[in-house]
C-alpha atoms as a PDB file:
ATOM      1  CA  UNK A   1      -1.946  16.567  -7.271  1.00  0.00           C
ATOM      2  CA  UNK A   2      -4.261  13.604  -5.883  1.00  0.00           C
ATOM      3  CA  UNK A   3      -2.477  10.758  -8.016  1.00  0.00           C
ATOM      4  CA  UNK A   4      -0.001   9.618  -5.480  1.00  0.00           C
ATOM      5  CA  UNK A   5      -1.238   8.030  -2.344  1.00  0.00           C
ATOM      6  CA  UNK A   6       0.393   6.370   1.107  1.00  0.00           C
ATOM      7  CA  UNK A   7      -1.021   2.979   0.010  1.00  0.00           C
ATOM      8  CA  UNK A   8       1.207  -0.102  -0.228  1.00  0.00           C
ATOM      9  CA  UNK A   9      -1.806  -1.470  -2.731  1.00  0.00           C
ATOM     10  CA  UNK A  10      -2.297   1.241  -4.969  1.00  0.00           C
ATOM     11  CA  UNK A  11       0.328   3.607  -4.368  1.00  0.00           C
ATOM     12  CA  UNK A  12      -0.440   5.632  -7.802  1.00  0.00           C
ATOM     13  CA  UNK A  13      -3.654   6.503  -9.782  1.00  0.00           C
ATOM     14  CA  UNK A  14      -3.410   7.822 -13.507  1.00  0.00           C
ATOM     15  CA  UNK A  15      -6.852   8.963 -13.336  1.00  0.00           C
ATOM     16  CA  UNK A  16      -6.175  11.907 -10.801  1.00  0.00           C
ATOM     17  CA  UNK A  17      -3.452  13.492 -13.134  1.00  0.00           C
ATOM     18  CA  UNK A  18      -3.657  17.135 -13.796  1.00  0.00           C
ATOM     19  CA  UNK A  19      -4.477  18.875 -17.121  1.00  0.00           C
ATOM     20  CA  UNK A  20      -1.144  19.228 -17.886  1.00  0.00           C
ATOM     21  CA  UNK A  21       0.393  17.782 -21.578  1.00  0.00           C
ATOM     22  CA  UNK A  22       3.373  16.036 -20.183  1.00  0.00           C
ATOM     23  CA  UNK A  23       5.658  16.124 -16.532  1.00  0.00           C
ATOM     24  CA  UNK A  24       7.660  14.019 -14.582  1.00  0.00           C
ATOM     25  CA  UNK A  25       7.564  13.535 -10.925  1.00  0.00           C
ATOM     26  CA  UNK A  26       9.124  12.305  -7.630  1.00  0.00           C
ATOM     27  CA  UNK A  27       6.752  11.282  -4.522  1.00  0.00           C
ATOM     28  CA  UNK A  28       7.289   9.830  -1.353  1.00  0.00           C
ATOM     29  CA  UNK A  29       5.427   9.446   1.608  1.00  0.00           C
ATOM     30  CA  UNK A  30       5.316   7.578   5.339  1.00  0.00           C
ATOM     31  CA  UNK A  31       2.026   7.188   7.322  1.00  0.00           C
ATOM     32  CA  UNK A  32       1.949   5.529  10.904  1.00  0.00           C
ATOM     33  CA  UNK A  33      -1.371   4.764  12.491  1.00  0.00           C
ATOM     34  CA  UNK A  34      -2.727   2.700  15.826  1.00  0.00           C
ATOM     35  CA  UNK A  35      -5.371   0.116  14.624  1.00  0.00           C
ATOM     36  CA  UNK A  36      -7.614  -0.446  17.959  1.00  0.00           C
ATOM     37  CA  UNK A  37      -9.176  -3.363  16.789  1.00  0.00           C
ATOM     38  CA  UNK A  38      -9.663  -5.567  13.578  1.00  0.00           C
ATOM     39  CA  UNK A  39     -12.023  -8.591  13.672  1.00  0.00           C
ATOM     40  CA  UNK A  40     -10.185 -10.146  10.641  1.00  0.00           C
ATOM     41  CA  UNK A  41      -7.524 -10.841  12.827  1.00  0.00           C
ATOM     42  CA  UNK A  42      -8.541 -11.065  16.068  1.00  0.00           C
ATOM     43  CA  UNK A  43     -12.329 -12.366  15.514  1.00  0.00           C
ATOM     44  CA  UNK A  44     -13.949 -16.009  15.613  1.00  0.00           C
ATOM     45  CA  UNK A  45     -12.997 -18.073  12.886  1.00  0.00           C
ATOM     46  CA  UNK A  46     -15.702 -20.709  11.294  1.00  0.00           C
ATOM     47  CA  UNK A  47     -14.390 -24.327  10.993  1.00  0.00           C
ATOM     48  CA  UNK A  48     -11.612 -24.308  13.396  1.00  0.00           C
ATOM     49  CA  UNK A  49     -11.026 -27.479  15.182  1.00  0.00           C
ATOM     50  CA  UNK A  50      -9.581 -25.812  18.386  1.00  0.00           C
ATOM     51  CA  UNK A  51      -9.578 -22.271  19.346  1.00  0.00           C
ATOM     52  CA  UNK A  52      -5.496 -22.625  20.026  1.00  0.00           C
ATOM     53  CA  UNK A  53      -4.981 -23.302  16.398  1.00  0.00           C
ATOM     54  CA  UNK A  54      -4.935 -19.929  14.714  1.00  0.00           C
ATOM     55  CA  UNK A  55      -4.206 -17.359  17.599  1.00  0.00           C
ATOM     56  CA  UNK A  56      -3.033 -14.160  16.207  1.00  0.00           C
ATOM     57  CA  UNK A  57      -2.426 -11.009  18.053  1.00  0.00           C
ATOM     58  CA  UNK A  58      -2.569  -7.253  16.537  1.00  0.00           C
ATOM     59  CA  UNK A  59       0.379  -5.284  16.150  1.00  0.00           C
ATOM     60  CA  UNK A  60      -1.360  -2.282  17.336  1.00  0.00           C
ATOM     61  CA  UNK A  61       1.452   0.177  16.116  1.00  0.00           C
ATOM     62  CA  UNK A  62       1.811   0.032  12.544  1.00  0.00           C
ATOM     63  CA  UNK A  63       3.639   1.942   9.254  1.00  0.00           C
ATOM     64  CA  UNK A  64       3.804   2.112   5.551  1.00  0.00           C
ATOM     65  CA  UNK A  65       6.049   3.828   3.388  1.00  0.00           C
ATOM     66  CA  UNK A  66       6.245   4.566  -0.437  1.00  0.00           C
ATOM     67  CA  UNK A  67       8.841   6.147  -3.088  1.00  0.00           C
ATOM     68  CA  UNK A  68       7.929   6.362  -6.639  1.00  0.00           C
ATOM     69  CA  UNK A  69       8.447   8.216  -9.848  1.00  0.00           C
ATOM     70  CA  UNK A  70       6.319   9.070 -12.505  1.00  0.00           C
ATOM     71  CA  UNK A  71       6.606  10.496 -16.510  1.00  0.00           C
ATOM     72  CA  UNK A  72       3.884  11.072 -18.493  1.00  0.00           C
ATOM     73  CA  UNK A  73       2.736  12.838 -21.748  1.00  0.00           C
ATOM     74  CA  UNK A  74      -0.963  13.654 -23.150  1.00  0.00           C
ATOM     75  CA  UNK A  75      -0.872  10.129 -24.895  1.00  0.00           C
ATOM     76  CA  UNK A  76       0.577   7.708 -21.959  1.00  0.00           C
ATOM     77  CA  UNK A  77       3.102   7.362 -19.042  1.00  0.00           C
ATOM     78  CA  UNK A  78       4.832   5.085 -16.593  1.00  0.00           C
ATOM     79  CA  UNK A  79       5.138   4.899 -12.894  1.00  0.00           C
ATOM     80  CA  UNK A  80       7.771   2.615 -10.637  1.00  0.00           C
ATOM     81  CA  UNK A  81       6.719   2.625  -7.025  1.00  0.00           C
ATOM     82  CA  UNK A  82       8.446   0.953  -4.064  1.00  0.00           C
ATOM     83  CA  UNK A  83       6.080   0.494  -1.208  1.00  0.00           C
ATOM     84  CA  UNK A  84       7.256  -1.092   2.377  1.00  0.00           C
ATOM     85  CA  UNK A  85       4.660  -1.824   5.343  1.00  0.00           C
ATOM     86  CA  UNK A  86       5.175  -3.460   8.843  1.00  0.00           C
ATOM     87  CA  UNK A  87       2.857  -6.690   9.690  1.00  0.00           C
ATOM     88  CA  UNK A  88      -0.550  -6.434  10.935  1.00  0.00           C
ATOM     89  CA  UNK A  89      -0.128  -9.275  13.561  1.00  0.00           C
ATOM     90  CA  UNK A  90       2.879  -9.890  16.154  1.00  0.00           C
ATOM     91  CA  UNK A  91       3.056 -13.688  14.967  1.00  0.00           C
ATOM     92  CA  UNK A  92       4.354 -12.501  11.220  1.00  0.00           C
ATOM     93  CA  UNK A  93       7.114 -14.209   9.623  1.00  0.00           C
ATOM     94  CA  UNK A  94       8.781 -11.014   8.676  1.00  0.00           C
ATOM     95  CA  UNK A  95       9.157  -7.737  10.159  1.00  0.00           C
ATOM     96  CA  UNK A  96       8.754  -5.763   7.191  1.00  0.00           C
ATOM     97  CA  UNK A  97       6.835  -6.326   3.784  1.00  0.00           C
ATOM     98  CA  UNK A  98       7.229  -4.761   0.473  1.00  0.00           C
ATOM     99  CA  UNK A  99       6.754  -4.383  -3.134  1.00  0.00           C
ATOM    100  CA  UNK A 100       7.697  -2.768  -6.293  1.00  0.00           C
ATOM    101  CA  UNK A 101       4.725  -1.846  -8.762  1.00  0.00           C
ATOM    102  CA  UNK A 102       5.254  -0.821 -12.447  1.00  0.00           C
ATOM    103  CA  UNK A 103       2.327   0.722 -14.219  1.00  0.00           C
ATOM    104  CA  UNK A 104       1.805   1.511 -17.529  1.00  0.00           C
ATOM    105  CA  UNK A 105      -1.304   3.745 -18.722  1.00  0.00           C
ATOM    106  CA  UNK A 106      -2.850   5.423 -21.637  1.00  0.00           C
ATOM    107  CA  UNK A 107      -4.852   8.365 -22.241  1.00  0.00           C
ATOM    108  CA  UNK A 108      -7.743   7.913 -24.770  1.00  0.00           C
END
């Protein structure tokens, strides 16, 4: 089943549900990664008055986790997902970020 992803931005994609008439499921996933470089964090920034104004250091070791549940029938469905991730840079204000996503969807 390709509907569940280890992604904090879009953890569930109802378009990937199989041809079954109805079902429910629980999904979870953990992802660990090493980022070598990210120019959006460490690259040059335009219109900065001093190079020391916005110094950020990339957090190389990062991880994400998702946990969710889905119910659907042949007409509609819903999913709820809890997602958490570690920060992208060392100077971040929190050591963990999270969100809850509720999705309602219909099949036409």
